[in-house]
Amino acid sequence: MKRTAVLSLILVVAVQPVLMALFVTNVEALPGWTTETVDSAGWVGTFTSIALDSSNNPHISYSDASNSDLKYAKWTGTAWSIQTVDSALSSIGTSTSIALDSSNNPHISYSG
C-alpha cells in the first residue's frame, strides 16, 4: 500500500534526514529517515516556514486553515510545543516566514 503525506518538510540535522509532516495521512519514511508528526489537528500545515535554533532544534510557522490561525511549533528537545500566534474570523497566517534571533526568539511575518 502506497502511503502519502499531504504536506511535509524535509530537514537535515547533523546529516540525519528527518521528514516532518504537519498534516499526515499514512506517512511512511524512507529507509534511514525519521518521521515526526508535528500537528495533525484539523487542516494544518500550509504556508510553512522553518528555522533551526543554536541547538539545531526546528521552529516552524504555519497556517491552520481549519481555525483561521497562525501557528508556531518548536521542538523542545523531547517534544513538540505548539501555540497559536494569531487568530481571525477569516483567513490568517498565509505566506509565513520565520527567523530566529541570536537568543533563539522567533520572529514571524505573515499576511492575512
Protein backbone atom coordinates (compact mmCIF):
# COMPACT_ATOMS: atom_id res chain seq x y z
CA MET A 1 0.00 0.00 0.00
CA LYS A 2 1.40 3.38 -1.00
CA ARG A 3 1.47 5.92 1.83
CA THR A 4 1.47 9.65 1.31
CA ALA A 5 1.65 12.88 3.30
CA VAL A 6 -0.47 15.86 2.41
CA LEU A 7 2.32 18.24 3.35
CA SER A 8 5.81 17.62 4.57
CA LEU A 9 9.03 19.40 5.33
CA ILE A 10 12.41 17.79 4.90
CA LEU A 11 15.05 18.80 7.38
CA VAL A 12 18.62 17.61 7.69
CA VAL A 13 20.10 17.90 11.18
CA ALA A 14 23.65 16.68 11.72
CA VAL A 15 23.45 14.77 8.42
CA GLN A 16 20.41 12.80 9.69
CA PRO A 17 17.45 13.49 7.40
CA VAL A 18 14.11 13.96 9.13
CA LEU A 19 10.74 14.07 7.40
CA MET A 20 8.34 16.24 9.39
CA ALA A 21 4.72 16.10 8.31
CA LEU A 22 2.31 18.68 9.66
CA PHE A 23 -0.89 17.21 8.25
CA VAL A 24 -0.45 13.49 7.96
CA THR A 25 -2.26 10.64 6.31
CA ASN A 26 -0.41 7.34 6.47
CA VAL A 27 3.17 8.58 6.25
CA GLU A 28 5.99 6.12 5.82
CA ALA A 29 9.56 7.40 5.99
CA LEU A 30 12.20 6.39 3.50
CA PRO A 31 14.87 3.98 4.75
CA GLY A 32 17.24 5.85 7.07
CA TRP A 33 14.76 8.70 7.64
CA THR A 34 12.77 9.57 10.76
CA THR A 35 9.11 10.65 10.60
CA GLU A 36 7.74 13.23 13.05
CA THR A 37 4.12 14.38 13.19
CA VAL A 38 4.17 17.99 14.35
CA ASP A 39 0.46 18.86 14.27
CA SER A 40 -2.46 16.87 12.89
CA ALA A 41 -5.45 18.65 14.47
CA GLY A 42 -7.54 19.84 11.54
CA TRP A 43 -6.31 21.12 8.19
CA VAL A 44 -2.89 22.40 9.24
CA GLY A 45 0.50 22.80 7.65
CA THR A 46 0.05 25.17 4.75
CA PHE A 47 2.29 28.21 4.25
CA THR A 48 5.12 26.68 6.27
CA SER A 49 8.48 28.16 7.14
CA ILE A 50 11.25 26.56 9.18
CA ALA A 51 14.35 27.75 11.03
CA LEU A 52 16.89 25.98 13.25
CA ASP A 53 17.97 27.39 16.59
CA SER A 54 21.50 27.32 18.02
CA SER A 55 20.90 23.74 19.28
CA ASN A 56 19.66 22.63 15.83
CA ASN A 57 16.07 22.35 17.09
CA PRO A 58 13.49 23.19 14.42
CA HIS A 59 10.99 26.05 14.77
CA ILE A 60 8.07 26.12 12.31
CA SER A 61 5.46 28.73 11.47
CA TYR A 62 2.39 27.57 9.55
CA SER A 63 -1.28 28.13 8.89
CA ASP A 64 -4.18 26.28 10.49
CA ALA A 65 -6.89 26.61 7.83
CA SER A 66 -9.46 24.81 10.00
CA ASN A 67 -9.44 27.62 12.57
CA SER A 68 -8.00 30.53 10.53
CA ASP A 69 -4.97 30.59 12.84
CA LEU A 70 -1.28 31.30 12.51
CA LYS A 71 0.57 28.63 14.50
CA TYR A 72 4.11 28.21 15.77
CA ALA A 73 5.71 24.89 16.69
CA LYS A 74 9.12 24.23 18.17
CA TRP A 75 10.97 21.09 19.15
CA THR A 76 11.98 21.37 22.82
CA GLY A 77 14.45 18.52 22.60
CA THR A 78 11.90 15.99 23.87
CA ALA A 79 8.52 17.05 22.42
CA TRP A 80 6.76 19.50 20.11
CA SER A 81 5.43 22.68 21.71
CA ILE A 82 2.63 24.23 19.64
CA GLN A 83 0.92 27.56 20.15
CA THR A 84 -1.49 29.80 18.29
CA VAL A 85 0.20 33.10 17.46
CA ASP A 86 -2.75 34.92 15.88
CA SER A 87 -6.41 34.18 15.11
CA ALA A 88 -9.05 35.78 12.93
CA LEU A 89 -12.59 35.24 11.73
CA SER A 90 -11.25 34.96 8.19
CA SER A 91 -8.06 33.59 6.68
CA ILE A 92 -4.87 34.40 8.57
CA GLY A 93 -1.34 33.09 8.62
CA THR A 94 -0.69 32.91 4.91
CA SER A 95 2.76 33.32 3.42
CA THR A 96 4.53 32.80 6.75
CA SER A 97 8.23 33.34 7.22
CA ILE A 98 10.12 32.59 10.44
CA ALA A 99 13.52 33.76 11.64
CA LEU A 100 15.25 33.33 14.99
CA ASP A 101 17.35 35.98 16.67
CA SER A 102 20.63 35.32 18.50
CA SER A 103 18.67 34.36 21.64
CA ASN A 104 16.56 31.83 19.67
CA ASN A 105 13.43 34.00 19.92
CA PRO A 106 11.12 33.53 16.92
CA HIS A 107 10.06 36.40 14.66
CA ILE A 108 7.25 35.53 12.27
CA SER A 109 6.00 37.59 9.37
CA TYR A 110 2.78 36.67 7.56
CA SER A 111 -0.12 38.08 5.61
CA GLY A 112 -3.80 37.64 6.20
